[in-house]
Amino acid sequence: MNNKKVLMDISWSNKGGIGRFTDEISKLLCDISKEELYRKCASPLAPLGLAVNIFLRKKTDVVFLPGYIPPLFCSKKFIITIHDLNHL
């Protein structure tokens, strides 16, 4: 089996909304993964910082973003979560 290395932005981690989703999904990913889940904090107000972290982690296969702010630059495949389009 080809295990993928996941980098997850946990900057949204807290007790409500997107934070609750972030906490629960990170627990589930850790439970099902035999490999370490890379969890990296980055401010949702600093997408450039997240982009730098993604670039520096060359062994990361995919980046999971539970929030709705994509990285400014990303050389990796990434998954972004859209929770609600009501505010648009």
PDB file of N, CA and C in Angstrom:
ATOM      1  N   MET A   1       0.844  -1.185   0.000  1.00  0.00           N
ATOM      2  CA  MET A   1       0.000   0.000   0.000  1.00  0.00           C
ATOM      3  C   MET A   1       0.888   1.246   0.000  1.00  0.00           C
ATOM      4  N   ASN A   2       0.506   2.221  -0.769  1.00  0.00           N
ATOM      5  CA  ASN A   2       1.263   3.462  -0.882  1.00  0.00           C
ATOM      6  C   ASN A   2       0.704   4.492   0.094  1.00  0.00           C
ATOM      7  N   ASN A   3       1.377   4.663   1.237  1.00  0.00           N
ATOM      8  CA  ASN A   3       0.921   5.636   2.238  1.00  0.00           C
ATOM      9  C   ASN A   3       1.335   7.032   1.831  1.00  0.00           C
ATOM     10  N   LYS A   4       0.407   7.963   1.966  1.00  0.00           N
ATOM     11  CA  LYS A   4       0.665   9.360   1.638  1.00  0.00           C
ATOM     12  C   LYS A   4       0.974  10.130   2.910  1.00  0.00           C
ATOM     13  N   LYS A   5       1.891  11.067   2.807  1.00  0.00           N
ATOM     14  CA  LYS A   5       2.224  11.955   3.926  1.00  0.00           C
ATOM     15  C   LYS A   5       1.324  13.182   3.833  1.00  0.00           C
ATOM     16  N   VAL A   6       0.637  13.475   4.924  1.00  0.00           N
ATOM     17  CA  VAL A   6      -0.332  14.568   4.959  1.00  0.00           C
ATOM     18  C   VAL A   6       0.166  15.667   5.880  1.00  0.00           C
ATOM     19  N   LEU A   7       0.142  16.885   5.383  1.00  0.00           N
ATOM     20  CA  LEU A   7       0.398  18.062   6.208  1.00  0.00           C
ATOM     21  C   LEU A   7      -0.951  18.727   6.423  1.00  0.00           C
ATOM     22  N   MET A   8      -1.327  18.909   7.679  1.00  0.00           N
ATOM     23  CA  MET A   8      -2.635  19.483   8.002  1.00  0.00           C
ATOM     24  C   MET A   8      -2.456  20.800   8.734  1.00  0.00           C
ATOM     25  N   ASP A   9      -3.142  21.823   8.255  1.00  0.00           N
ATOM     26  CA  ASP A   9      -3.133  23.129   8.910  1.00  0.00           C
ATOM     27  C   ASP A   9      -4.120  23.063  10.076  1.00  0.00           C
ATOM     28  N   ILE A  10      -3.613  23.156  11.314  1.00  0.00           N
ATOM     29  CA  ILE A  10      -4.503  23.092  12.477  1.00  0.00           C
ATOM     30  C   ILE A  10      -4.671  24.447  13.141  1.00  0.00           C
ATOM     31  N   SER A  11      -4.427  25.503  12.393  1.00  0.00           N
ATOM     32  CA  SER A  11      -4.553  26.842  12.977  1.00  0.00           C
ATOM     33  C   SER A  11      -5.994  27.180  13.352  1.00  0.00           C
ATOM     34  N   TRP A  12      -6.954  26.467  12.794  1.00  0.00           N
ATOM     35  CA  TRP A  12      -8.365  26.720  13.109  1.00  0.00           C
ATOM     36  C   TRP A  12      -8.819  25.973  14.358  1.00  0.00           C
ATOM     37  N   SER A  13      -7.960  25.185  14.954  1.00  0.00           N
ATOM     38  CA  SER A  13      -8.331  24.346  16.091  1.00  0.00           C
ATOM     39  C   SER A  13      -8.869  25.167  17.267  1.00  0.00           C
ATOM     40  N   ASN A  14     -10.095  24.883  17.645  1.00  0.00           N
ATOM     41  CA  ASN A  14     -10.751  25.469  18.825  1.00  0.00           C
ATOM     42  C   ASN A  14     -12.048  24.713  19.085  1.00  0.00           C
ATOM     43  N   LYS A  15     -12.954  25.278  19.801  1.00  0.00           N
ATOM     44  CA  LYS A  15     -14.146  24.536  20.221  1.00  0.00           C
ATOM     45  C   LYS A  15     -15.382  24.723  19.347  1.00  0.00           C
ATOM     46  N   GLY A  16     -15.366  25.549  18.319  1.00  0.00           N
ATOM     47  CA  GLY A  16     -16.588  25.743  17.549  1.00  0.00           C
ATOM     48  C   GLY A  16     -16.360  25.863  16.059  1.00  0.00           C
ATOM     49  N   GLY A  17     -17.383  25.581  15.283  1.00  0.00           N
ATOM     50  CA  GLY A  17     -17.361  25.779  13.839  1.00  0.00           C
ATOM     51  C   GLY A  17     -16.254  25.017  13.136  1.00  0.00           C
ATOM     52  N   ILE A  18     -15.461  25.755  12.368  1.00  0.00           N
ATOM     53  CA  ILE A  18     -14.357  25.158  11.618  1.00  0.00           C
ATOM     54  C   ILE A  18     -13.356  24.503  12.568  1.00  0.00           C
ATOM     55  N   GLY A  19     -13.172  25.097  13.740  1.00  0.00           N
ATOM     56  CA  GLY A  19     -12.248  24.533  14.726  1.00  0.00           C
ATOM     57  C   GLY A  19     -12.670  23.153  15.191  1.00  0.00           C
ATOM     58  N   ARG A  20     -13.945  22.978  15.417  1.00  0.00           N
ATOM     59  CA  ARG A  20     -14.457  21.659  15.832  1.00  0.00           C
ATOM     60  C   ARG A  20     -14.234  20.638  14.724  1.00  0.00           C
ATOM     61  N   PHE A  21     -14.532  21.042  13.493  1.00  0.00           N
ATOM     62  CA  PHE A  21     -14.292  20.179  12.340  1.00  0.00           C
ATOM     63  C   PHE A  21     -12.812  19.798  12.262  1.00  0.00           C
ATOM     64  N   THR A  22     -11.929  20.786  12.436  1.00  0.00           N
ATOM     65  CA  THR A  22     -10.484  20.560  12.389  1.00  0.00           C
ATOM     66  C   THR A  22     -10.049  19.546  13.440  1.00  0.00           C
ATOM     67  N   ASP A  23     -10.513  19.731  14.669  1.00  0.00           N
ATOM     68  CA  ASP A  23     -10.137  18.818  15.755  1.00  0.00           C
ATOM     69  C   ASP A  23     -10.612  17.396  15.484  1.00  0.00           C
ATOM     70  N   GLU A  24     -11.862  17.257  15.051  1.00  0.00           N
ATOM     71  CA  GLU A  24     -12.420  15.919  14.831  1.00  0.00           C
ATOM     72  C   GLU A  24     -11.756  15.212  13.650  1.00  0.00           C
ATOM     73  N   ILE A  25     -11.546  15.922  12.563  1.00  0.00           N
ATOM     74  CA  ILE A  25     -10.947  15.283  11.390  1.00  0.00           C
ATOM     75  C   ILE A  25      -9.491  14.904  11.654  1.00  0.00           C
ATOM     76  N   SER A  26      -8.770  15.717  12.434  1.00  0.00           N
ATOM     77  CA  SER A  26      -7.378  15.362  12.746  1.00  0.00           C
ATOM     78  C   SER A  26      -7.321  14.119  13.627  1.00  0.00           C
ATOM     79  N   LYS A  27      -8.261  13.978  14.564  1.00  0.00           N
ATOM     80  CA  LYS A  27      -8.319  12.755  15.386  1.00  0.00           C
ATOM     81  C   LYS A  27      -8.586  11.532  14.512  1.00  0.00           C
ATOM     82  N   LEU A  28      -9.544  11.652  13.591  1.00  0.00           N
ATOM     83  CA  LEU A  28      -9.883  10.530  12.721  1.00  0.00           C
ATOM     84  C   LEU A  28      -8.719  10.153  11.810  1.00  0.00           C
ATOM     85  N   LEU A  29      -8.050  11.145  11.264  1.00  0.00           N
ATOM     86  CA  LEU A  29      -6.905  10.853  10.397  1.00  0.00           C
ATOM     87  C   LEU A  29      -5.790  10.163  11.170  1.00  0.00           C
ATOM     88  N   CYS A  30      -5.565  10.574  12.395  1.00  0.00           N
ATOM     89  CA  CYS A  30      -4.536   9.925  13.220  1.00  0.00           C
ATOM     90  C   CYS A  30      -4.929   8.496  13.554  1.00  0.00           C
ATOM     91  N   ASP A  31      -6.218   8.253  13.780  1.00  0.00           N
ATOM     92  CA  ASP A  31      -6.691   6.911  14.110  1.00  0.00           C
ATOM     93  C   ASP A  31      -6.527   5.938  12.947  1.00  0.00           C
ATOM     94  N   ILE A  32      -6.778   6.394  11.723  1.00  0.00           N
ATOM     95  CA  ILE A  32      -6.732   5.476  10.584  1.00  0.00           C
ATOM     96  C   ILE A  32      -5.348   5.372   9.959  1.00  0.00           C
ATOM     97  N   SER A  33      -4.459   6.263  10.317  1.00  0.00           N
ATOM     98  CA  SER A  33      -3.138   6.292   9.696  1.00  0.00           C
ATOM     99  C   SER A  33      -2.119   5.533  10.533  1.00  0.00           C
ATOM    100  N   LYS A  34      -1.353   4.686   9.872  1.00  0.00           N
ATOM    101  CA  LYS A  34      -0.244   4.022  10.549  1.00  0.00           C
ATOM    102  C   LYS A  34       0.987   4.916  10.535  1.00  0.00           C
ATOM    103  N   GLU A  35       0.966   5.899   9.686  1.00  0.00           N
ATOM    104  CA  GLU A  35       2.057   6.861   9.576  1.00  0.00           C
ATOM    105  C   GLU A  35       1.711   8.086  10.413  1.00  0.00           C
ATOM    106  N   GLU A  36       2.723   8.859  10.724  1.00  0.00           N
ATOM    107  CA  GLU A  36       2.517  10.096  11.473  1.00  0.00           C
ATOM    108  C   GLU A  36       1.753  11.100  10.607  1.00  0.00           C
ATOM    109  N   LEU A  37       0.776  11.730  11.202  1.00  0.00           N
ATOM    110  CA  LEU A  37       0.069  12.816  10.527  1.00  0.00           C
ATOM    111  C   LEU A  37       0.810  14.100  10.857  1.00  0.00           C
ATOM    112  N   TYR A  38       1.326  14.749   9.864  1.00  0.00           N
ATOM    113  CA  TYR A  38       2.033  16.007  10.101  1.00  0.00           C
ATOM    114  C   TYR A  38       1.001  17.082  10.406  1.00  0.00           C
ATOM    115  N   ARG A  39       1.122  17.687  11.570  1.00  0.00           N
ATOM    116  CA  ARG A  39       0.212  18.754  11.976  1.00  0.00           C
ATOM    117  C   ARG A  39       1.054  20.000  12.190  1.00  0.00           C
ATOM    118  N   LYS A  40       0.761  21.011  11.451  1.00  0.00           N
ATOM    119  CA  LYS A  40       1.558  22.228  11.525  1.00  0.00           C
ATOM    120  C   LYS A  40       0.638  23.419  11.743  1.00  0.00           C
ATOM    121  N   CYS A  41       0.937  24.198  12.777  1.00  0.00           N
ATOM    122  CA  CYS A  41       0.160  25.400  13.041  1.00  0.00           C
ATOM    123  C   CYS A  41       0.623  26.528  12.136  1.00  0.00           C
ATOM    124  N   ALA A  42      -0.327  27.202  11.591  1.00  0.00           N
ATOM    125  CA  ALA A  42      -0.049  28.415  10.818  1.00  0.00           C
ATOM    126  C   ALA A  42      -1.251  29.327  10.984  1.00  0.00           C
ATOM    127  N   SER A  43      -1.031  30.586  11.119  1.00  0.00           N
ATOM    128  CA  SER A  43      -2.113  31.534  11.313  1.00  0.00           C
ATOM    129  C   SER A  43      -2.979  31.610  10.067  1.00  0.00           C
ATOM    130  N   PRO A  44      -4.303  31.618  10.216  1.00  0.00           N
ATOM    131  CA  PRO A  44      -5.160  31.790   9.043  1.00  0.00           C
ATOM    132  C   PRO A  44      -4.974  33.164   8.411  1.00  0.00           C
ATOM    133  N   LEU A  45      -4.349  34.074   9.131  1.00  0.00           N
ATOM    134  CA  LEU A  45      -4.079  35.403   8.592  1.00  0.00           C
ATOM    135  C   LEU A  45      -2.733  35.476   7.888  1.00  0.00           C
ATOM    136  N   ALA A  46      -2.002  34.368   7.869  1.00  0.00           N
ATOM    137  CA  ALA A  46      -0.675  34.375   7.248  1.00  0.00           C
ATOM    138  C   ALA A  46      -0.511  33.211   6.270  1.00  0.00           C
ATOM    139  N   PRO A  47      -1.243  33.230   5.142  1.00  0.00           N
ATOM    140  CA  PRO A  47      -1.107  32.144   4.165  1.00  0.00           C
ATOM    141  C   PRO A  47       0.305  32.007   3.613  1.00  0.00           C
ATOM    142  N   LEU A  48       1.061  33.090   3.606  1.00  0.00           N
ATOM    143  CA  LEU A  48       2.436  33.008   3.130  1.00  0.00           C
ATOM    144  C   LEU A  48       3.271  32.107   4.039  1.00  0.00           C
ATOM    145  N   GLY A  49       3.038  32.193   5.353  1.00  0.00           N
ATOM    146  CA  GLY A  49       3.746  31.328   6.294  1.00  0.00           C
ATOM    147  C   GLY A  49       3.432  29.864   6.048  1.00  0.00           C
ATOM    148  N   LEU A  50       2.175  29.567   5.741  1.00  0.00           N
ATOM    149  CA  LEU A  50       1.786  28.195   5.433  1.00  0.00           C
ATOM    150  C   LEU A  50       2.476  27.732   4.155  1.00  0.00           C
ATOM    151  N   ALA A  51       2.552  28.599   3.165  1.00  0.00           N
ATOM    152  CA  ALA A  51       3.211  28.244   1.907  1.00  0.00           C
ATOM    153  C   ALA A  51       4.677  27.892   2.138  1.00  0.00           C
ATOM    154  N   VAL A  52       5.344  28.636   2.999  1.00  0.00           N
ATOM    155  CA  VAL A  52       6.749  28.354   3.319  1.00  0.00           C
ATOM    156  C   VAL A  52       6.868  26.994   3.991  1.00  0.00           C
ATOM    157  N   ASN A  53       5.975  26.693   4.940  1.00  0.00           N
ATOM    158  CA  ASN A  53       6.001  25.391   5.614  1.00  0.00           C
ATOM    159  C   ASN A  53       5.765  24.252   4.632  1.00  0.00           C
ATOM    160  N   ILE A  54       4.858  24.454   3.691  1.00  0.00           N
ATOM    161  CA  ILE A  54       4.587  23.426   2.683  1.00  0.00           C
ATOM    162  C   ILE A  54       5.836  23.189   1.839  1.00  0.00           C
ATOM    163  N   PHE A  55       6.478  24.263   1.425  1.00  0.00           N
ATOM    164  CA  PHE A  55       7.675  24.163   0.594  1.00  0.00           C
ATOM    165  C   PHE A  55       8.807  23.444   1.326  1.00  0.00           C
ATOM    166  N   LEU A  56       8.969  23.719   2.615  1.00  0.00           N
ATOM    167  CA  LEU A  56      10.062  23.131   3.383  1.00  0.00           C
ATOM    168  C   LEU A  56       9.851  21.652   3.679  1.00  0.00           C
ATOM    169  N   ARG A  57       8.625  21.197   3.688  1.00  0.00           N
ATOM    170  CA  ARG A  57       8.336  19.780   3.953  1.00  0.00           C
ATOM    171  C   ARG A  57       8.282  19.026   2.630  1.00  0.00           C
ATOM    172  N   LYS A  58       9.428  18.701   2.108  1.00  0.00           N
ATOM    173  CA  LYS A  58       9.507  18.078   0.792  1.00  0.00           C
ATOM    174  C   LYS A  58       8.893  16.673   0.762  1.00  0.00           C
ATOM    175  N   LYS A  59       8.786  16.025   1.903  1.00  0.00           N
ATOM    176  CA  LYS A  59       8.239  14.671   1.933  1.00  0.00           C
ATOM    177  C   LYS A  59       6.720  14.649   2.064  1.00  0.00           C
ATOM    178  N   THR A  60       6.094  15.792   2.093  1.00  0.00           N
ATOM    179  CA  THR A  60       4.637  15.873   2.172  1.00  0.00           C
ATOM    180  C   THR A  60       4.044  15.603   0.794  1.00  0.00           C
ATOM    181  N   ASP A  61       3.031  14.724   0.736  1.00  0.00           N
ATOM    182  CA  ASP A  61       2.377  14.410  -0.535  1.00  0.00           C
ATOM    183  C   ASP A  61       1.167  15.293  -0.796  1.00  0.00           C
ATOM    184  N   VAL A  62       0.421  15.567   0.252  1.00  0.00           N
ATOM    185  CA  VAL A  62      -0.806  16.350   0.105  1.00  0.00           C
ATOM    186  C   VAL A  62      -0.980  17.243   1.328  1.00  0.00           C
ATOM    187  N   VAL A  63      -1.558  18.406   1.109  1.00  0.00           N
ATOM    188  CA  VAL A  63      -1.805  19.366   2.182  1.00  0.00           C
ATOM    189  C   VAL A  63      -3.311  19.451   2.384  1.00  0.00           C
ATOM    190  N   PHE A  64      -3.755  19.282   3.627  1.00  0.00           N
ATOM    191  CA  PHE A  64      -5.181  19.362   3.949  1.00  0.00           C
ATOM    192  C   PHE A  64      -5.449  20.654   4.701  1.00  0.00           C
ATOM    193  N   LEU A  65      -6.350  21.469   4.158  1.00  0.00           N
ATOM    194  CA  LEU A  65      -6.701  22.761   4.739  1.00  0.00           C
ATOM    195  C   LEU A  65      -8.160  22.728   5.175  1.00  0.00           C
ATOM    196  N   PRO A  66      -8.430  22.568   6.473  1.00  0.00           N
ATOM    197  CA  PRO A  66      -9.812  22.509   6.934  1.00  0.00           C
ATOM    198  C   PRO A  66     -10.523  23.854   6.851  1.00  0.00           C
ATOM    199  N   GLY A  67      -9.786  24.929   6.756  1.00  0.00           N
ATOM    200  CA  GLY A  67     -10.377  26.259   6.602  1.00  0.00           C
ATOM    201  C   GLY A  67     -10.601  26.572   5.137  1.00  0.00           C
ATOM    202  N   TYR A  68     -10.966  27.786   4.854  1.00  0.00           N
ATOM    203  CA  TYR A  68     -11.307  28.174   3.488  1.00  0.00           C
ATOM    204  C   TYR A  68     -10.267  29.091   2.842  1.00  0.00           C
ATOM    205  N   ILE A  69      -9.105  29.272   3.483  1.00  0.00           N
ATOM    206  CA  ILE A  69      -8.074  30.152   2.942  1.00  0.00           C
ATOM    207  C   ILE A  69      -6.970  29.297   2.319  1.00  0.00           C
ATOM    208  N   PRO A  70      -6.841  29.330   0.988  1.00  0.00           N
ATOM    209  CA  PRO A  70      -5.794  28.531   0.346  1.00  0.00           C
ATOM    210  C   PRO A  70      -4.426  29.171   0.528  1.00  0.00           C
ATOM    211  N   PRO A  71      -3.366  28.381   0.413  1.00  0.00           N
ATOM    212  CA  PRO A  71      -2.025  28.964   0.488  1.00  0.00           C
ATOM    213  C   PRO A  71      -1.773  29.840  -0.739  1.00  0.00           C
ATOM    214  N   LEU A  72      -0.954  30.859  -0.571  1.00  0.00           N
ATOM    215  CA  LEU A  72      -0.642  31.740  -1.699  1.00  0.00           C
ATOM    216  C   LEU A  72       0.104  30.995  -2.794  1.00  0.00           C
ATOM    217  N   PHE A  73       1.060  30.177  -2.386  1.00  0.00           N
ATOM    218  CA  PHE A  73       1.841  29.383  -3.325  1.00  0.00           C
ATOM    219  C   PHE A  73       1.891  27.967  -2.775  1.00  0.00           C
ATOM    220  N   CYS A  74       1.645  26.993  -3.619  1.00  0.00           N
ATOM    221  CA  CYS A  74       1.675  25.612  -3.141  1.00  0.00           C
ATOM    222  C   CYS A  74       2.203  24.711  -4.245  1.00  0.00           C
ATOM    223  N   SER A  75       3.321  24.071  -3.985  1.00  0.00           N
ATOM    224  CA  SER A  75       3.905  23.154  -4.957  1.00  0.00           C
ATOM    225  C   SER A  75       3.358  21.736  -4.788  1.00  0.00           C
ATOM    226  N   LYS A  76       2.515  21.537  -3.787  1.00  0.00           N
ATOM    227  CA  LYS A  76       1.933  20.224  -3.504  1.00  0.00           C
ATOM    228  C   LYS A  76       0.449  20.224  -3.865  1.00  0.00           C
ATOM    229  N   LYS A  77      -0.100  19.030  -4.005  1.00  0.00           N
ATOM    230  CA  LYS A  77      -1.546  18.912  -4.156  1.00  0.00           C
ATOM    231  C   LYS A  77      -2.163  19.301  -2.826  1.00  0.00           C
ATOM    232  N   PHE A  78      -3.297  19.985  -2.865  1.00  0.00           N
ATOM    233  CA  PHE A  78      -3.935  20.333  -1.603  1.00  0.00           C
ATOM    234  C   PHE A  78      -5.441  20.177  -1.688  1.00  0.00           C
ATOM    235  N   ILE A  79      -6.008  19.951  -0.511  1.00  0.00           N
ATOM    236  CA  ILE A  79      -7.457  19.822  -0.352  1.00  0.00           C
ATOM    237  C   ILE A  79      -7.906  20.981   0.510  1.00  0.00           C
ATOM    238  N   ILE A  80      -8.861  21.746   0.018  1.00  0.00           N
ATOM    239  CA  ILE A  80      -9.408  22.864   0.778  1.00  0.00           C
ATOM    240  C   ILE A  80     -10.872  22.550   1.073  1.00  0.00           C
ATOM    241  N   THR A  81     -11.359  22.993   2.200  1.00  0.00           N
ATOM    242  CA  THR A  81     -12.720  22.698   2.625  1.00  0.00           C
ATOM    243  C   THR A  81     -13.577  23.953   2.523  1.00  0.00           C
ATOM    244  N   ILE A  82     -14.696  23.838   1.804  1.00  0.00           N
ATOM    245  CA  ILE A  82     -15.672  24.928   1.737  1.00  0.00           C
ATOM    246  C   ILE A  82     -16.834  24.516   2.638  1.00  0.00           C
ATOM    247  N   HIS A  83     -17.025  25.234   3.730  1.00  0.00           N
ATOM    248  CA  HIS A  83     -18.044  24.868   4.712  1.00  0.00           C
ATOM    249  C   HIS A  83     -19.395  25.510   4.421  1.00  0.00           C
ATOM    250  N   ASP A  84     -19.381  26.738   3.931  1.00  0.00           N
ATOM    251  CA  ASP A  84     -20.626  27.485   3.797  1.00  0.00           C
ATOM    252  C   ASP A  84     -20.434  28.567   2.745  1.00  0.00           C
ATOM    253  N   LEU A  85     -21.335  28.619   1.795  1.00  0.00           N
ATOM    254  CA  LEU A  85     -21.269  29.655   0.766  1.00  0.00           C
ATOM    255  C   LEU A  85     -22.284  30.762   1.025  1.00  0.00           C
ATOM    256  N   ASN A  86     -22.952  30.701   2.137  1.00  0.00           N
ATOM    257  CA  ASN A  86     -24.008  31.652   2.463  1.00  0.00           C
ATOM    258  C   ASN A  86     -23.504  33.088   2.550  1.00  0.00           C
ATOM    259  N   HIS A  87     -22.279  33.293   3.013  1.00  0.00           N
ATOM    260  CA  HIS A  87     -21.752  34.643   3.203  1.00  0.00           C
ATOM    261  C   HIS A  87     -21.271  35.289   1.903  1.00  0.00           C
ATOM    262  N   LEU A  88     -21.240  34.539   0.804  1.00  0.00           N
ATOM    263  CA  LEU A  88     -20.743  35.097  -0.465  1.00  0.00           C
ATOM    264  C   LEU A  88     -21.772  35.922  -1.165  1.00  0.00           C
TER     265      LEU A  88
END
